[in-house]
Amino acid sequence: MLKIRLSRSGRKHVPFFHIVLTEHKQSAKHGYIKVLGFYNPITKELKFDEKDAAPYLANGAQYSDTLVKVLGRAKK
């Protein structure tokens, strides 16, 4: 099953997250299939095009719980 989730990067105390498509058993950091966007929690900047994720969601991919919370906060 495919998951769309966050992959942490950046340095210590300065987090930065890539939004990646990955197999649910693979590591999000090294085993991803495609990068769909990014999220910077310090500046609250989010770049995620739902049109890129739509074909994968139609074929059964799911968002991770954490990503659902981040996307929900961004839409407010």
N, C-alpha and C. Protein backbone atom coordinates (compact mmCIF):
# COMPACT_ATOMS: atom_id res chain seq x y z
N MET A 1 0.84 -1.17 0.00
CA MET A 1 0.00 0.00 0.00
C MET A 1 0.89 1.24 0.00
N LEU A 2 0.52 2.22 -0.79
CA LEU A 2 1.29 3.46 -0.87
C LEU A 2 0.80 4.46 0.17
N LYS A 3 1.74 5.23 0.72
CA LYS A 3 1.43 6.27 1.70
C LYS A 3 2.02 7.58 1.23
N ILE A 4 1.34 8.66 1.49
CA ILE A 4 1.87 9.99 1.28
C ILE A 4 2.17 10.53 2.66
N ARG A 5 3.45 10.79 2.93
CA ARG A 5 3.84 11.18 4.27
C ARG A 5 5.01 12.14 4.26
N LEU A 6 5.39 12.57 5.46
CA LEU A 6 6.47 13.53 5.63
C LEU A 6 7.81 12.82 5.80
N SER A 7 8.84 13.38 5.21
CA SER A 7 10.20 12.89 5.37
C SER A 7 11.03 14.05 5.90
N ARG A 8 11.58 13.88 7.11
CA ARG A 8 12.30 14.98 7.75
C ARG A 8 13.68 15.15 7.15
N SER A 9 14.03 16.40 6.94
CA SER A 9 15.39 16.75 6.55
C SER A 9 15.70 18.08 7.24
N GLY A 10 16.80 18.68 6.89
CA GLY A 10 17.21 19.88 7.59
C GLY A 10 18.22 19.52 8.66
N ARG A 11 18.69 20.53 9.38
CA ARG A 11 19.69 20.24 10.40
C ARG A 11 19.07 20.25 11.78
N LYS A 12 19.88 20.07 12.79
CA LYS A 12 19.42 20.00 14.17
C LYS A 12 18.71 21.31 14.56
N HIS A 13 17.53 21.19 15.11
CA HIS A 13 16.70 22.31 15.58
C HIS A 13 16.16 23.19 14.45
N VAL A 14 16.35 22.79 13.21
CA VAL A 14 15.81 23.52 12.07
C VAL A 14 15.16 22.50 11.14
N PRO A 15 13.97 22.02 11.49
CA PRO A 15 13.35 20.96 10.69
C PRO A 15 12.81 21.47 9.35
N PHE A 16 12.78 20.58 8.40
CA PHE A 16 12.22 20.82 7.08
C PHE A 16 11.70 19.47 6.60
N PHE A 17 10.53 19.45 6.03
CA PHE A 17 9.92 18.18 5.64
C PHE A 17 9.60 18.17 4.15
N HIS A 18 9.93 17.06 3.50
CA HIS A 18 9.49 16.80 2.14
C HIS A 18 8.24 15.94 2.23
N ILE A 19 7.28 16.19 1.37
CA ILE A 19 6.08 15.36 1.30
C ILE A 19 6.35 14.34 0.20
N VAL A 20 6.41 13.06 0.58
CA VAL A 20 6.84 12.02 -0.35
C VAL A 20 5.79 10.92 -0.47
N LEU A 21 5.84 10.25 -1.60
CA LEU A 21 5.03 9.06 -1.84
C LEU A 21 5.94 7.86 -1.64
N THR A 22 5.54 6.93 -0.79
CA THR A 22 6.39 5.79 -0.48
C THR A 22 5.54 4.56 -0.16
N GLU A 23 6.15 3.42 -0.27
CA GLU A 23 5.51 2.17 0.17
C GLU A 23 5.44 2.22 1.69
N HIS A 24 4.36 1.74 2.27
CA HIS A 24 4.17 1.92 3.72
C HIS A 24 5.21 1.20 4.57
N LYS A 25 5.88 0.19 4.05
CA LYS A 25 6.90 -0.52 4.83
C LYS A 25 8.30 0.05 4.61
N GLN A 26 8.47 0.91 3.62
CA GLN A 26 9.76 1.49 3.32
C GLN A 26 10.03 2.72 4.19
N SER A 27 11.29 3.05 4.32
CA SER A 27 11.69 4.27 5.00
C SER A 27 11.26 5.47 4.17
N ALA A 28 10.72 6.47 4.82
CA ALA A 28 10.31 7.67 4.10
C ALA A 28 11.52 8.46 3.62
N LYS A 29 12.63 8.29 4.29
CA LYS A 29 13.82 9.07 3.95
C LYS A 29 14.55 8.53 2.72
N HIS A 30 14.62 7.22 2.57
CA HIS A 30 15.41 6.64 1.49
C HIS A 30 14.59 5.84 0.48
N GLY A 31 13.38 5.43 0.84
CA GLY A 31 12.64 4.54 -0.03
C GLY A 31 11.47 5.19 -0.74
N TYR A 32 11.52 6.50 -0.96
CA TYR A 32 10.37 7.14 -1.57
C TYR A 32 10.36 6.98 -3.08
N ILE A 33 9.16 7.13 -3.64
CA ILE A 33 8.96 6.98 -5.07
C ILE A 33 8.99 8.35 -5.75
N LYS A 34 8.32 9.32 -5.13
CA LYS A 34 8.22 10.65 -5.74
C LYS A 34 8.06 11.71 -4.65
N VAL A 35 8.66 12.87 -4.86
CA VAL A 35 8.49 14.01 -3.96
C VAL A 35 7.33 14.84 -4.49
N LEU A 36 6.34 15.09 -3.62
CA LEU A 36 5.13 15.80 -4.03
C LEU A 36 5.07 17.23 -3.52
N GLY A 37 5.97 17.60 -2.63
CA GLY A 37 5.95 18.96 -2.10
C GLY A 37 6.85 19.07 -0.88
N PHE A 38 6.68 20.16 -0.12
CA PHE A 38 7.47 20.36 1.09
C PHE A 38 6.67 21.13 2.12
N TYR A 39 7.14 21.09 3.38
CA TYR A 39 6.54 21.83 4.48
C TYR A 39 7.65 22.33 5.38
N ASN A 40 7.63 23.63 5.65
CA ASN A 40 8.59 24.25 6.55
C ASN A 40 7.83 24.69 7.80
N PRO A 41 7.97 23.99 8.94
CA PRO A 41 7.19 24.32 10.13
C PRO A 41 7.62 25.62 10.80
N ILE A 42 8.79 26.12 10.50
CA ILE A 42 9.25 27.36 11.12
C ILE A 42 8.54 28.56 10.48
N THR A 43 8.49 28.59 9.16
CA THR A 43 7.83 29.69 8.46
C THR A 43 6.37 29.36 8.10
N LYS A 44 5.94 28.13 8.40
CA LYS A 44 4.59 27.64 8.07
C LYS A 44 4.33 27.62 6.57
N GLU A 45 5.40 27.52 5.78
CA GLU A 45 5.26 27.47 4.33
C GLU A 45 4.96 26.04 3.89
N LEU A 46 3.95 25.90 3.05
CA LEU A 46 3.54 24.59 2.56
C LEU A 46 3.37 24.68 1.05
N LYS A 47 4.01 23.78 0.34
CA LYS A 47 3.82 23.66 -1.10
C LYS A 47 3.46 22.21 -1.39
N PHE A 48 2.20 22.00 -1.72
CA PHE A 48 1.71 20.66 -2.01
C PHE A 48 0.60 20.77 -3.02
N ASP A 49 0.82 20.20 -4.19
CA ASP A 49 -0.17 20.24 -5.25
C ASP A 49 -0.99 18.95 -5.19
N GLU A 50 -2.24 19.08 -4.82
CA GLU A 50 -3.10 17.89 -4.69
C GLU A 50 -3.38 17.25 -6.04
N LYS A 51 -3.18 17.98 -7.12
CA LYS A 51 -3.38 17.40 -8.46
C LYS A 51 -2.32 16.34 -8.75
N ASP A 52 -1.10 16.53 -8.23
CA ASP A 52 -0.06 15.53 -8.41
C ASP A 52 -0.36 14.26 -7.63
N ALA A 53 -1.00 14.40 -6.48
CA ALA A 53 -1.30 13.26 -5.63
C ALA A 53 -2.59 12.55 -6.02
N ALA A 54 -3.45 13.19 -6.78
CA ALA A 54 -4.77 12.64 -7.11
C ALA A 54 -4.71 11.27 -7.80
N PRO A 55 -3.83 11.04 -8.78
CA PRO A 55 -3.81 9.71 -9.40
C PRO A 55 -3.43 8.60 -8.42
N TYR A 56 -2.54 8.91 -7.50
CA TYR A 56 -2.12 7.91 -6.51
C TYR A 56 -3.23 7.66 -5.50
N LEU A 57 -3.93 8.72 -5.10
CA LEU A 57 -5.05 8.56 -4.17
C LEU A 57 -6.18 7.76 -4.81
N ALA A 58 -6.39 7.95 -6.09
CA ALA A 58 -7.44 7.20 -6.81
C ALA A 58 -7.10 5.71 -6.88
N ASN A 59 -5.81 5.39 -6.83
CA ASN A 59 -5.39 3.99 -6.89
C ASN A 59 -5.15 3.38 -5.52
N GLY A 60 -5.56 4.06 -4.45
CA GLY A 60 -5.51 3.45 -3.13
C GLY A 60 -4.48 3.99 -2.18
N ALA A 61 -3.70 4.98 -2.57
CA ALA A 61 -2.73 5.57 -1.64
C ALA A 61 -3.48 6.34 -0.55
N GLN A 62 -2.84 6.49 0.60
CA GLN A 62 -3.47 7.18 1.73
C GLN A 62 -2.50 8.19 2.31
N TYR A 63 -3.06 9.25 2.91
CA TYR A 63 -2.25 10.22 3.64
C TYR A 63 -1.90 9.65 5.00
N SER A 64 -0.74 10.02 5.54
CA SER A 64 -0.41 9.67 6.92
C SER A 64 -1.21 10.57 7.85
N ASP A 65 -1.36 10.15 9.10
CA ASP A 65 -2.13 10.92 10.08
C ASP A 65 -1.51 12.30 10.31
N THR A 66 -0.19 12.36 10.38
CA THR A 66 0.49 13.62 10.61
C THR A 66 0.29 14.58 9.44
N LEU A 67 0.36 14.07 8.24
CA LEU A 67 0.17 14.92 7.07
C LEU A 67 -1.26 15.45 7.01
N VAL A 68 -2.23 14.67 7.41
CA VAL A 68 -3.62 15.13 7.44
C VAL A 68 -3.74 16.32 8.39
N LYS A 69 -3.07 16.27 9.54
CA LYS A 69 -3.12 17.38 10.49
C LYS A 69 -2.45 18.63 9.92
N VAL A 70 -1.31 18.45 9.26
CA VAL A 70 -0.60 19.60 8.67
C VAL A 70 -1.44 20.23 7.57
N LEU A 71 -2.03 19.43 6.71
CA LEU A 71 -2.86 19.96 5.63
C LEU A 71 -4.12 20.63 6.17
N GLY A 72 -4.67 20.09 7.25
CA GLY A 72 -5.85 20.69 7.87
C GLY A 72 -5.55 22.05 8.46
N ARG A 73 -4.39 22.19 9.11
CA ARG A 73 -4.00 23.48 9.68
C ARG A 73 -3.71 24.50 8.58
N ALA A 74 -3.20 24.05 7.47
CA ALA A 74 -2.85 24.97 6.38
C ALA A 74 -4.10 25.51 5.68
N LYS A 75 -5.18 24.76 5.68
CA LYS A 75 -6.39 25.20 5.00
C LYS A 75 -7.19 26.21 5.82
N LYS A 76 -6.90 26.34 7.09
CA LYS A 76 -7.64 27.29 7.94
C LYS A 76 -7.26 28.70 7.65
